[in-house]
Amino acid sequence: RDCTSQSHKFVGLCLSDRNCASVCLTEYFTGGKCDHRRCVCTKGC
């Protein structure tokens, strides 16, 4: 299953899942997506 955590590095409104995922990768997550305009990172747990 996946665990989620709000991105610490993402700045501004989250409008693009791709941008969010790219930032999440730099935070050692495996992906990410926008959730209510916030960037939420995901990784297996």
PDB file of N, CA and C in Angstrom:
ATOM      1  N   ARG A   1       0.839  -1.194   0.000  1.00  0.00           N
ATOM      2  CA  ARG A   1       0.000   0.000   0.000  1.00  0.00           C
ATOM      3  C   ARG A   1       0.873   1.242   0.000  1.00  0.00           C
ATOM      4  N   ASP A   2       0.287   2.356  -0.356  1.00  0.00           N
ATOM      5  CA  ASP A   2       1.029   3.611  -0.449  1.00  0.00           C
ATOM      6  C   ASP A   2       0.774   4.493   0.764  1.00  0.00           C
ATOM      7  N   CYS A   3       1.836   5.139   1.204  1.00  0.00           N
ATOM      8  CA  CYS A   3       1.712   6.164   2.237  1.00  0.00           C
ATOM      9  C   CYS A   3       1.819   7.522   1.554  1.00  0.00           C
ATOM     10  N   THR A   4       1.142   8.508   2.096  1.00  0.00           N
ATOM     11  CA  THR A   4       1.170   9.841   1.510  1.00  0.00           C
ATOM     12  C   THR A   4       1.664  10.864   2.525  1.00  0.00           C
ATOM     13  N   SER A   5       2.269  11.923   2.010  1.00  0.00           N
ATOM     14  CA  SER A   5       2.767  13.002   2.846  1.00  0.00           C
ATOM     15  C   SER A   5       2.774  14.274   2.013  1.00  0.00           C
ATOM     16  N   GLN A   6       2.392  15.382   2.614  1.00  0.00           N
ATOM     17  CA  GLN A   6       2.404  16.636   1.869  1.00  0.00           C
ATOM     18  C   GLN A   6       3.846  17.034   1.567  1.00  0.00           C
ATOM     19  N   SER A   7       4.076  17.512   0.354  1.00  0.00           N
ATOM     20  CA  SER A   7       5.415  17.926  -0.055  1.00  0.00           C
ATOM     21  C   SER A   7       5.883  19.113   0.776  1.00  0.00           C
ATOM     22  N   HIS A   8       7.181  19.098   1.140  1.00  0.00           N
ATOM     23  CA  HIS A   8       7.759  20.217   1.893  1.00  0.00           C
ATOM     24  C   HIS A   8       8.404  21.237   0.966  1.00  0.00           C
ATOM     25  N   LYS A   9       8.786  20.805  -0.233  1.00  0.00           N
ATOM     26  CA  LYS A   9       9.502  21.689  -1.152  1.00  0.00           C
ATOM     27  C   LYS A   9       8.597  22.361  -2.175  1.00  0.00           C
ATOM     28  N   PHE A  10       7.422  21.796  -2.421  1.00  0.00           N
ATOM     29  CA  PHE A  10       6.540  22.350  -3.456  1.00  0.00           C
ATOM     30  C   PHE A  10       6.019  23.713  -3.024  1.00  0.00           C
ATOM     31  N   VAL A  11       6.088  24.680  -3.944  1.00  0.00           N
ATOM     32  CA  VAL A  11       5.662  26.049  -3.633  1.00  0.00           C
ATOM     33  C   VAL A  11       4.495  26.433  -4.536  1.00  0.00           C
ATOM     34  N   GLY A  12       3.492  27.072  -3.954  1.00  0.00           N
ATOM     35  CA  GLY A  12       2.365  27.562  -4.740  1.00  0.00           C
ATOM     36  C   GLY A  12       1.249  26.541  -4.857  1.00  0.00           C
ATOM     37  N   LEU A  13       0.258  26.871  -5.701  1.00  0.00           N
ATOM     38  CA  LEU A  13      -0.868  25.970  -5.915  1.00  0.00           C
ATOM     39  C   LEU A  13      -0.447  24.803  -6.792  1.00  0.00           C
ATOM     40  N   CYS A  14      -0.913  23.635  -6.463  1.00  0.00           N
ATOM     41  CA  CYS A  14      -0.612  22.449  -7.258  1.00  0.00           C
ATOM     42  C   CYS A  14      -1.648  22.333  -8.374  1.00  0.00           C
ATOM     43  N   LEU A  15      -1.198  22.530  -9.605  1.00  0.00           N
ATOM     44  CA  LEU A  15      -2.091  22.453 -10.756  1.00  0.00           C
ATOM     45  C   LEU A  15      -1.682  21.342 -11.717  1.00  0.00           C
ATOM     46  N   SER A  16      -0.461  20.840 -11.572  1.00  0.00           N
ATOM     47  CA  SER A  16       0.048  19.821 -12.490  1.00  0.00           C
ATOM     48  C   SER A  16       0.578  18.625 -11.709  1.00  0.00           C
ATOM     49  N   ASP A  17      -0.026  17.462 -11.925  1.00  0.00           N
ATOM     50  CA  ASP A  17       0.453  16.254 -11.256  1.00  0.00           C
ATOM     51  C   ASP A  17       1.915  15.985 -11.605  1.00  0.00           C
ATOM     52  N   ARG A  18       2.298  16.279 -12.837  1.00  0.00           N
ATOM     53  CA  ARG A  18       3.670  16.008 -13.272  1.00  0.00           C
ATOM     54  C   ARG A  18       4.671  16.854 -12.491  1.00  0.00           C
ATOM     55  N   ASN A  19       4.377  18.148 -12.315  1.00  0.00           N
ATOM     56  CA  ASN A  19       5.274  19.013 -11.543  1.00  0.00           C
ATOM     57  C   ASN A  19       5.371  18.537 -10.102  1.00  0.00           C
ATOM     58  N   CYS A  20       4.248  18.177  -9.538  1.00  0.00           N
ATOM     59  CA  CYS A  20       4.212  17.689  -8.162  1.00  0.00           C
ATOM     60  C   CYS A  20       5.065  16.431  -8.034  1.00  0.00           C
ATOM     61  N   ALA A  21       4.894  15.486  -8.945  1.00  0.00           N
ATOM     62  CA  ALA A  21       5.649  14.235  -8.889  1.00  0.00           C
ATOM     63  C   ALA A  21       7.146  14.499  -8.998  1.00  0.00           C
ATOM     64  N   SER A  22       7.538  15.450  -9.849  1.00  0.00           N
ATOM     65  CA  SER A  22       8.956  15.769 -10.009  1.00  0.00           C
ATOM     66  C   SER A  22       9.556  16.285  -8.709  1.00  0.00           C
ATOM     67  N   VAL A  23       8.826  17.151  -8.015  1.00  0.00           N
ATOM     68  CA  VAL A  23       9.304  17.672  -6.740  1.00  0.00           C
ATOM     69  C   VAL A  23       9.373  16.543  -5.711  1.00  0.00           C
ATOM     70  N   CYS A  24       8.370  15.687  -5.709  1.00  0.00           N
ATOM     71  CA  CYS A  24       8.355  14.576  -4.754  1.00  0.00           C
ATOM     72  C   CYS A  24       9.557  13.658  -4.944  1.00  0.00           C
ATOM     73  N   LEU A  25       9.967  13.446  -6.189  1.00  0.00           N
ATOM     74  CA  LEU A  25      11.128  12.594  -6.443  1.00  0.00           C
ATOM     75  C   LEU A  25      12.381  13.163  -5.785  1.00  0.00           C
ATOM     76  N   THR A  26      12.494  14.492  -5.714  1.00  0.00           N
ATOM     77  CA  THR A  26      13.661  15.097  -5.067  1.00  0.00           C
ATOM     78  C   THR A  26      13.584  14.970  -3.549  1.00  0.00           C
ATOM     79  N   GLU A  27      12.407  14.603  -3.037  1.00  0.00           N
ATOM     80  CA  GLU A  27      12.230  14.400  -1.595  1.00  0.00           C
ATOM     81  C   GLU A  27      12.245  12.906  -1.244  1.00  0.00           C
ATOM     82  N   TYR A  28      12.773  12.094  -2.164  1.00  0.00           N
ATOM     83  CA  TYR A  28      12.915  10.648  -1.946  1.00  0.00           C
ATOM     84  C   TYR A  28      11.589   9.906  -1.874  1.00  0.00           C
ATOM     85  N   PHE A  29      10.567  10.449  -2.530  1.00  0.00           N
ATOM     86  CA  PHE A  29       9.314   9.722  -2.686  1.00  0.00           C
ATOM     87  C   PHE A  29       9.310   9.076  -4.067  1.00  0.00           C
ATOM     88  N   THR A  30       8.332   8.227  -4.326  1.00  0.00           N
ATOM     89  CA  THR A  30       8.269   7.539  -5.620  1.00  0.00           C
ATOM     90  C   THR A  30       7.314   8.222  -6.595  1.00  0.00           C
ATOM     91  N   GLY A  31       6.516   9.172  -6.111  1.00  0.00           N
ATOM     92  CA  GLY A  31       5.594   9.884  -6.986  1.00  0.00           C
ATOM     93  C   GLY A  31       4.802  10.899  -6.203  1.00  0.00           C
ATOM     94  N   GLY A  32       3.828  11.501  -6.878  1.00  0.00           N
ATOM     95  CA  GLY A  32       2.992  12.482  -6.213  1.00  0.00           C
ATOM     96  C   GLY A  32       1.893  12.958  -7.135  1.00  0.00           C
ATOM     97  N   LYS A  33       0.891  13.597  -6.531  1.00  0.00           N
ATOM     98  CA  LYS A  33      -0.203  14.145  -7.327  1.00  0.00           C
ATOM     99  C   LYS A  33      -0.848  15.287  -6.560  1.00  0.00           C
ATOM    100  N   CYS A  34      -1.604  16.098  -7.295  1.00  0.00           N
ATOM    101  CA  CYS A  34      -2.298  17.222  -6.675  1.00  0.00           C
ATOM    102  C   CYS A  34      -3.549  16.727  -5.956  1.00  0.00           C
ATOM    103  N   ASP A  35      -3.779  17.275  -4.782  1.00  0.00           N
ATOM    104  CA  ASP A  35      -4.972  16.953  -4.008  1.00  0.00           C
ATOM    105  C   ASP A  35      -5.481  18.245  -3.393  1.00  0.00           C
ATOM    106  N   HIS A  36      -6.581  18.756  -3.908  1.00  0.00           N
ATOM    107  CA  HIS A  36      -7.145  20.034  -3.439  1.00  0.00           C
ATOM    108  C   HIS A  36      -6.104  21.149  -3.497  1.00  0.00           C
ATOM    109  N   ARG A  37      -5.391  21.233  -4.638  1.00  0.00           N
ATOM    110  CA  ARG A  37      -4.403  22.289  -4.890  1.00  0.00           C
ATOM    111  C   ARG A  37      -3.139  22.156  -4.047  1.00  0.00           C
ATOM    112  N   ARG A  38      -2.990  21.047  -3.324  1.00  0.00           N
ATOM    113  CA  ARG A  38      -1.763  20.797  -2.579  1.00  0.00           C
ATOM    114  C   ARG A  38      -1.032  19.634  -3.237  1.00  0.00           C
ATOM    115  N   CYS A  39       0.282  19.638  -3.143  1.00  0.00           N
ATOM    116  CA  CYS A  39       1.084  18.559  -3.709  1.00  0.00           C
ATOM    117  C   CYS A  39       1.281  17.489  -2.644  1.00  0.00           C
ATOM    118  N   VAL A  40       0.766  16.297  -2.915  1.00  0.00           N
ATOM    119  CA  VAL A  40       0.862  15.185  -1.970  1.00  0.00           C
ATOM    120  C   VAL A  40       1.760  14.111  -2.568  1.00  0.00           C
ATOM    121  N   CYS A  41       2.817  13.768  -1.836  1.00  0.00           N
ATOM    122  CA  CYS A  41       3.779  12.771  -2.299  1.00  0.00           C
ATOM    123  C   CYS A  41       3.370  11.380  -1.834  1.00  0.00           C
ATOM    124  N   THR A  42       3.772  10.369  -2.612  1.00  0.00           N
ATOM    125  CA  THR A  42       3.440   8.988  -2.270  1.00  0.00           C
ATOM    126  C   THR A  42       4.692   8.116  -2.306  1.00  0.00           C
ATOM    127  N   LYS A  43       4.668   7.073  -1.475  1.00  0.00           N
ATOM    128  CA  LYS A  43       5.702   6.040  -1.518  1.00  0.00           C
ATOM    129  C   LYS A  43       5.163   4.793  -0.842  1.00  0.00           C
ATOM    130  N   GLY A  44       5.735   3.672  -1.181  1.00  0.00           N
ATOM    131  CA  GLY A  44       5.318   2.426  -0.556  1.00  0.00           C
ATOM    132  C   GLY A  44       5.717   2.398   0.904  1.00  0.00           C
ATOM    133  N   CYS A  45       4.898   1.765   1.717  1.00  0.00           N
ATOM    134  CA  CYS A  45       5.221   1.704   3.143  1.00  0.00           C
ATOM    135  C   CYS A  45       4.967   0.309   3.693  1.00  0.00           C
TER     136      CYS A  45
END
